[in-house]
Amino acid sequence: MTLRELLDEPGTTSGDLQKHLGSLPGASRVREATTIARSHHRLLWELSAKTDAIGVEEIVAADRAPLEPVPFEGQNNQPLYRSFKKVFYRTGDGHVGGYNESDAAWFAGPGYYLLKRDDTGTYVDYTELPTDKPAAWPPIRPNTQGFSRFVYGNMKDYLRRVHARVFIGRAYRHGKATPNYFVLARPED
């Protein structure tokens, strides 16, 4: 059974998802998590409501060298440009930043962000930008300019745990939930 098939089964629980994903080798887990149907994203979000909170250090370890990329494969529930990478890194001042690699970057921009945690959870904050980045990456630019404002402007993506390195995210704009979801996955380090 695949993750897609499991999500189609009535009565599937978060525990069922964790058991299934835990039984897979890392590359297979990433592939299954990032090839689910668009309709499965919301269900995955709902099933993950009571999983353990995600710590920032789970995404980028505290001892990771500054500017060392930590890429996660991603899939969103949009009709186009569904595949992407969210690449995190530790900044020179110790924060966690990142940007999005996508075929849509030509019009949407790189979408730089800071990763944060508050009492509501861990989230990608597009309203604040890192001050440094690896030299070869695209320039950091505000997410409120050009077409980027429609994609990343005034947005925060909240994350929930599906499995150890598989997360489901939901976009919030101006503090309000949107119908936009995405999955992030990477093999264990």
Foldseek 3Di string as FASTA:
>chain_A
DAPQVLLVDPPRALVNLQVVLVVDAQVSSLVRLAPHALVSQVVLVVRQPPPDFDDPCLQPNQPFDAQDWRKWWKAKSDPPFGTKIWIWGQHPVGWIKTWIGTPCCVQQNGQIFTWDADPVGIKTQSQDHDPDHPPPDDDDDRCCDGNSCVVRNQKIWGWGDSYSFKIKIFIDHVNHTDSMIMIIGGGDD
